[in-house]
N, C-alpha and C. Protein backbone atom coordinates (compact mmCIF):
# COMPACT_ATOMS: atom_id res chain seq x y z
N MET A 1 41.47 163.32 65.95
CA MET A 1 40.33 162.42 65.87
C MET A 1 39.32 162.93 64.84
N LYS A 2 39.15 164.25 64.83
CA LYS A 2 38.20 164.83 63.90
C LYS A 2 38.65 164.64 62.47
N ASN A 3 39.90 164.69 62.21
CA ASN A 3 40.41 164.49 60.85
C ASN A 3 40.18 163.06 60.37
N GLU A 4 40.32 162.09 61.30
CA GLU A 4 40.08 160.70 60.92
C GLU A 4 38.63 160.49 60.54
N ASN A 5 37.69 161.06 61.32
CA ASN A 5 36.27 160.94 61.00
C ASN A 5 35.96 161.64 59.68
N PHE A 6 36.59 162.78 59.48
CA PHE A 6 36.35 163.52 58.26
C PHE A 6 36.83 162.72 57.05
N ASP A 7 37.97 162.10 57.17
CA ASP A 7 38.49 161.28 56.06
C ASP A 7 37.57 160.09 55.81
N LEU A 8 37.07 159.48 56.88
CA LEU A 8 36.17 158.33 56.73
C LEU A 8 34.89 158.76 56.05
N GLU A 9 34.35 159.91 56.47
CA GLU A 9 33.13 160.41 55.85
C GLU A 9 33.36 160.75 54.38
N ALA A 10 34.47 161.30 54.08
CA ALA A 10 34.79 161.65 52.70
C ALA A 10 34.92 160.39 51.85
N GLU A 11 35.56 159.38 52.41
CA GLU A 11 35.70 158.12 51.67
C GLU A 11 34.35 157.46 51.45
N LEU A 12 33.49 157.51 52.48
CA LEU A 12 32.15 156.93 52.33
C LEU A 12 31.34 157.68 51.28
N ARG A 13 31.43 158.99 51.30
CA ARG A 13 30.70 159.78 50.30
C ARG A 13 31.21 159.47 48.90
N ALA A 14 32.49 159.33 48.77
CA ALA A 14 33.05 159.03 47.46
C ALA A 14 32.62 157.63 46.99
N ALA A 15 32.57 156.68 47.92
CA ALA A 15 32.19 155.32 47.55
C ALA A 15 30.71 155.23 47.20
N LEU A 16 29.88 156.04 47.87
CA LEU A 16 28.44 155.99 47.65
C LEU A 16 27.95 156.99 46.61
N ARG A 17 28.85 157.68 45.99
CA ARG A 17 28.49 158.66 44.99
C ARG A 17 27.89 157.96 43.77
N ARG A 18 26.95 158.62 43.12
CA ARG A 18 26.33 158.06 41.91
C ARG A 18 27.37 157.95 40.81
N SER A 19 27.24 156.84 40.08
CA SER A 19 28.12 156.68 38.92
C SER A 19 27.33 155.99 37.82
N GLU A 20 27.73 156.24 36.62
CA GLU A 20 27.04 155.64 35.47
C GLU A 20 27.45 154.16 35.38
N PRO A 21 26.48 153.29 35.05
CA PRO A 21 26.83 151.87 34.90
C PRO A 21 27.68 151.65 33.65
N SER A 22 28.38 150.53 33.66
CA SER A 22 29.22 150.22 32.51
C SER A 22 28.33 149.90 31.31
N PRO A 23 28.84 149.99 30.10
CA PRO A 23 28.02 149.75 28.91
C PRO A 23 27.44 148.33 28.84
N ASP A 24 28.12 147.36 29.39
CA ASP A 24 27.61 145.99 29.31
C ASP A 24 26.77 145.60 30.54
N PHE A 25 26.42 146.57 31.36
CA PHE A 25 25.66 146.30 32.59
C PHE A 25 24.30 145.66 32.26
N VAL A 26 23.58 146.21 31.31
CA VAL A 26 22.25 145.71 30.94
C VAL A 26 22.35 144.28 30.42
N THR A 27 23.34 144.01 29.62
CA THR A 27 23.53 142.67 29.07
C THR A 27 23.78 141.66 30.18
N ARG A 28 24.62 142.04 31.12
CA ARG A 28 24.93 141.13 32.23
C ARG A 28 23.70 140.86 33.10
N VAL A 29 22.91 141.89 33.37
CA VAL A 29 21.71 141.71 34.19
C VAL A 29 20.69 140.84 33.46
N LEU A 30 20.48 141.10 32.18
CA LEU A 30 19.52 140.30 31.42
C LEU A 30 19.98 138.85 31.28
N ALA A 31 21.27 138.63 31.20
CA ALA A 31 21.78 137.25 31.10
C ALA A 31 21.45 136.48 32.37
N ARG A 32 21.41 137.16 33.48
CA ARG A 32 21.07 136.48 34.74
C ARG A 32 19.57 136.24 34.88
N THR A 33 18.75 137.09 34.29
CA THR A 33 17.30 136.98 34.50
C THR A 33 16.66 135.98 33.56
N HIS A 34 17.20 135.77 32.36
CA HIS A 34 16.61 134.81 31.43
C HIS A 34 17.02 133.40 31.82
N PRO A 35 16.06 132.49 31.90
CA PRO A 35 16.45 131.12 32.23
C PRO A 35 17.26 130.52 31.09
N SER A 36 18.24 129.78 31.46
CA SER A 36 19.08 129.16 30.44
C SER A 36 18.32 128.01 29.78
N LEU A 37 18.87 127.51 28.69
CA LEU A 37 18.27 126.39 27.98
C LEU A 37 18.16 125.18 28.89
N TRP A 38 19.16 124.98 29.74
CA TRP A 38 19.16 123.82 30.64
C TRP A 38 17.97 123.90 31.60
N HIS A 39 17.70 125.08 32.17
CA HIS A 39 16.58 125.21 33.10
C HIS A 39 15.25 124.96 32.41
N ARG A 40 15.12 125.48 31.20
CA ARG A 40 13.88 125.25 30.46
C ARG A 40 13.74 123.79 30.07
N SER A 41 14.85 123.17 29.64
CA SER A 41 14.76 121.78 29.21
C SER A 41 14.54 120.85 30.39
N ARG A 42 15.03 121.20 31.58
CA ARG A 42 14.77 120.37 32.76
C ARG A 42 13.28 120.32 33.05
N GLY A 43 12.62 121.45 32.90
CA GLY A 43 11.17 121.47 33.11
C GLY A 43 10.45 120.60 32.09
N LEU A 44 10.86 120.71 30.84
CA LEU A 44 10.25 119.89 29.79
C LEU A 44 10.53 118.41 30.00
N LEU A 45 11.74 118.10 30.45
CA LEU A 45 12.07 116.70 30.73
C LEU A 45 11.22 116.17 31.89
N GLY A 46 10.97 116.99 32.87
CA GLY A 46 10.11 116.58 33.98
C GLY A 46 8.69 116.31 33.52
N ILE A 47 8.18 117.17 32.68
CA ILE A 47 6.83 116.98 32.15
C ILE A 47 6.77 115.72 31.29
N ALA A 48 7.79 115.50 30.46
CA ALA A 48 7.82 114.30 29.62
C ALA A 48 7.89 113.04 30.47
N ALA A 49 8.70 113.08 31.53
CA ALA A 49 8.79 111.91 32.41
C ALA A 49 7.45 111.64 33.09
N GLY A 50 6.76 112.69 33.49
CA GLY A 50 5.44 112.52 34.10
C GLY A 50 4.44 111.91 33.13
N ILE A 51 4.47 112.36 31.89
CA ILE A 51 3.54 111.82 30.88
C ILE A 51 3.84 110.35 30.63
N ILE A 52 5.12 110.02 30.52
CA ILE A 52 5.50 108.62 30.29
C ILE A 52 5.05 107.76 31.47
N LEU A 53 5.24 108.26 32.67
CA LEU A 53 4.82 107.51 33.85
C LEU A 53 3.31 107.32 33.86
N LEU A 54 2.57 108.36 33.55
CA LEU A 54 1.11 108.25 33.53
C LEU A 54 0.63 107.30 32.44
N MET A 55 1.35 107.23 31.33
CA MET A 55 0.96 106.32 30.25
C MET A 55 1.33 104.87 30.59
N SER A 56 2.38 104.69 31.36
CA SER A 56 2.83 103.33 31.65
C SER A 56 1.93 102.64 32.67
N ILE A 57 1.23 103.39 33.49
CA ILE A 57 0.35 102.77 34.48
C ILE A 57 -0.78 102.00 33.81
N PRO A 58 -1.55 102.59 32.89
CA PRO A 58 -2.59 101.80 32.22
C PRO A 58 -2.04 100.64 31.40
N LEU A 59 -0.86 100.84 30.77
CA LEU A 59 -0.27 99.75 30.00
C LEU A 59 0.12 98.59 30.91
N GLY A 60 0.67 98.91 32.06
CA GLY A 60 1.02 97.87 33.02
C GLY A 60 -0.21 97.15 33.53
N PHE A 61 -1.28 97.90 33.76
CA PHE A 61 -2.52 97.29 34.22
C PHE A 61 -3.11 96.38 33.15
N ALA A 62 -3.04 96.80 31.88
CA ALA A 62 -3.55 95.97 30.78
C ALA A 62 -2.74 94.68 30.67
N ARG A 63 -1.43 94.78 30.81
CA ARG A 63 -0.59 93.57 30.77
C ARG A 63 -0.93 92.64 31.92
N PHE A 64 -1.20 93.21 33.09
CA PHE A 64 -1.57 92.41 34.25
C PHE A 64 -2.88 91.67 33.98
N GLN A 65 -3.86 92.37 33.39
CA GLN A 65 -5.13 91.74 33.09
C GLN A 65 -4.98 90.61 32.08
N VAL A 66 -4.17 90.81 31.05
CA VAL A 66 -3.94 89.76 30.05
C VAL A 66 -3.30 88.55 30.73
N ARG A 67 -2.34 88.80 31.60
CA ARG A 67 -1.68 87.68 32.30
C ARG A 67 -2.67 86.94 33.18
N GLN A 68 -3.52 87.68 33.87
CA GLN A 68 -4.52 87.04 34.73
C GLN A 68 -5.49 86.19 33.89
N GLN A 69 -5.89 86.70 32.73
CA GLN A 69 -6.79 85.94 31.85
C GLN A 69 -6.12 84.66 31.37
N ARG A 70 -4.84 84.73 31.04
CA ARG A 70 -4.12 83.53 30.61
C ARG A 70 -4.06 82.51 31.74
N LEU A 71 -3.78 82.99 32.96
CA LEU A 71 -3.72 82.07 34.10
C LEU A 71 -5.08 81.43 34.36
N GLU A 72 -6.15 82.22 34.23
CA GLU A 72 -7.50 81.67 34.42
C GLU A 72 -7.83 80.66 33.32
N ALA A 73 -7.39 80.94 32.08
CA ALA A 73 -7.63 80.01 30.98
C ALA A 73 -6.89 78.70 31.22
N LEU A 74 -5.65 78.78 31.70
CA LEU A 74 -4.89 77.56 32.00
C LEU A 74 -5.54 76.76 33.13
N ALA A 75 -6.04 77.46 34.14
CA ALA A 75 -6.72 76.77 35.24
C ALA A 75 -8.00 76.10 34.73
N ALA A 76 -8.75 76.80 33.86
CA ALA A 76 -9.97 76.22 33.30
C ALA A 76 -9.63 75.00 32.45
N LYS A 77 -8.55 75.05 31.69
CA LYS A 77 -8.12 73.92 30.88
C LYS A 77 -7.77 72.73 31.78
N ASP A 78 -7.04 73.00 32.85
CA ASP A 78 -6.69 71.92 33.79
C ASP A 78 -7.94 71.28 34.38
N HIS A 79 -8.93 72.11 34.73
CA HIS A 79 -10.19 71.57 35.28
C HIS A 79 -10.92 70.72 34.24
N LEU A 80 -10.93 71.18 33.00
CA LEU A 80 -11.58 70.43 31.93
C LEU A 80 -10.90 69.09 31.69
N VAL A 81 -9.56 69.11 31.67
CA VAL A 81 -8.82 67.85 31.48
C VAL A 81 -9.12 66.89 32.63
N LEU A 82 -9.15 67.40 33.86
CA LEU A 82 -9.47 66.55 35.01
C LEU A 82 -10.89 65.99 34.89
N ALA A 83 -11.84 66.84 34.50
CA ALA A 83 -13.22 66.39 34.35
C ALA A 83 -13.33 65.33 33.26
N LEU A 84 -12.60 65.50 32.15
CA LEU A 84 -12.62 64.50 31.08
C LEU A 84 -12.00 63.19 31.54
N ARG A 85 -10.95 63.24 32.33
CA ARG A 85 -10.34 62.01 32.85
C ARG A 85 -11.31 61.27 33.78
N ILE A 86 -11.95 62.05 34.64
CA ILE A 86 -12.91 61.43 35.56
C ILE A 86 -14.06 60.80 34.76
N THR A 87 -14.56 61.55 33.78
CA THR A 87 -15.65 61.04 32.94
C THR A 87 -15.22 59.79 32.20
N SER A 88 -13.99 59.80 31.66
CA SER A 88 -13.48 58.64 30.93
C SER A 88 -13.36 57.43 31.86
N ALA A 89 -12.87 57.66 33.06
CA ALA A 89 -12.74 56.56 34.03
C ALA A 89 -14.11 56.01 34.40
N LYS A 90 -15.06 56.88 34.64
CA LYS A 90 -16.42 56.44 34.99
C LYS A 90 -17.05 55.68 33.81
N LEU A 91 -16.84 56.18 32.60
CA LEU A 91 -17.39 55.52 31.43
C LEU A 91 -16.79 54.11 31.27
N ARG A 92 -15.46 54.01 31.42
CA ARG A 92 -14.83 52.68 31.35
C ARG A 92 -15.37 51.74 32.41
N HIS A 93 -15.53 52.28 33.61
CA HIS A 93 -16.05 51.45 34.70
C HIS A 93 -17.48 50.98 34.38
N THR A 94 -18.29 51.89 33.85
CA THR A 94 -19.67 51.54 33.48
C THR A 94 -19.69 50.51 32.35
N GLN A 95 -18.81 50.69 31.36
CA GLN A 95 -18.74 49.72 30.27
C GLN A 95 -18.32 48.34 30.79
N GLN A 96 -17.40 48.30 31.73
CA GLN A 96 -16.98 47.02 32.30
C GLN A 96 -18.14 46.36 33.05
N LEU A 97 -18.90 47.16 33.78
CA LEU A 97 -20.05 46.61 34.50
C LEU A 97 -21.09 46.06 33.51
N LEU A 98 -21.31 46.78 32.41
CA LEU A 98 -22.29 46.30 31.41
C LEU A 98 -21.81 45.02 30.73
N ARG A 99 -20.54 44.91 30.48
CA ARG A 99 -20.01 43.70 29.88
C ARG A 99 -20.15 42.51 30.81
N LYS A 100 -19.89 42.75 32.10
CA LYS A 100 -20.02 41.65 33.08
C LYS A 100 -21.46 41.19 33.22
N THR A 101 -22.39 42.12 33.20
CA THR A 101 -23.80 41.74 33.38
C THR A 101 -24.39 41.13 32.12
N SER A 102 -23.83 41.44 30.96
CA SER A 102 -24.38 40.91 29.73
C SER A 102 -23.82 39.51 29.44
N ILE A 103 -22.78 39.16 30.08
CA ILE A 103 -22.22 37.82 29.84
C ILE A 103 -22.98 36.80 30.56
């Protein structure tokens, strides 16, 4: 039993012994720590999408206002046409009354 423990301890010591890193160790570690182009570009794409979204809100609001103004102008035109028709009808009626009384 003692020999088995001794062998296990020896194997553990050998496995945990200090060793020099491989020559490309630093390169491999640095490759993992630097963000790749994709990670950096994803952040930039997110910022660009946010800017576009923020710019589209005022543009959409301006388009909405222009549309509302056009609708109001059309409604005002319809009211004016109706008022002119009523005025024309009243004027014709008044002219007919004047013709009847002058005869």
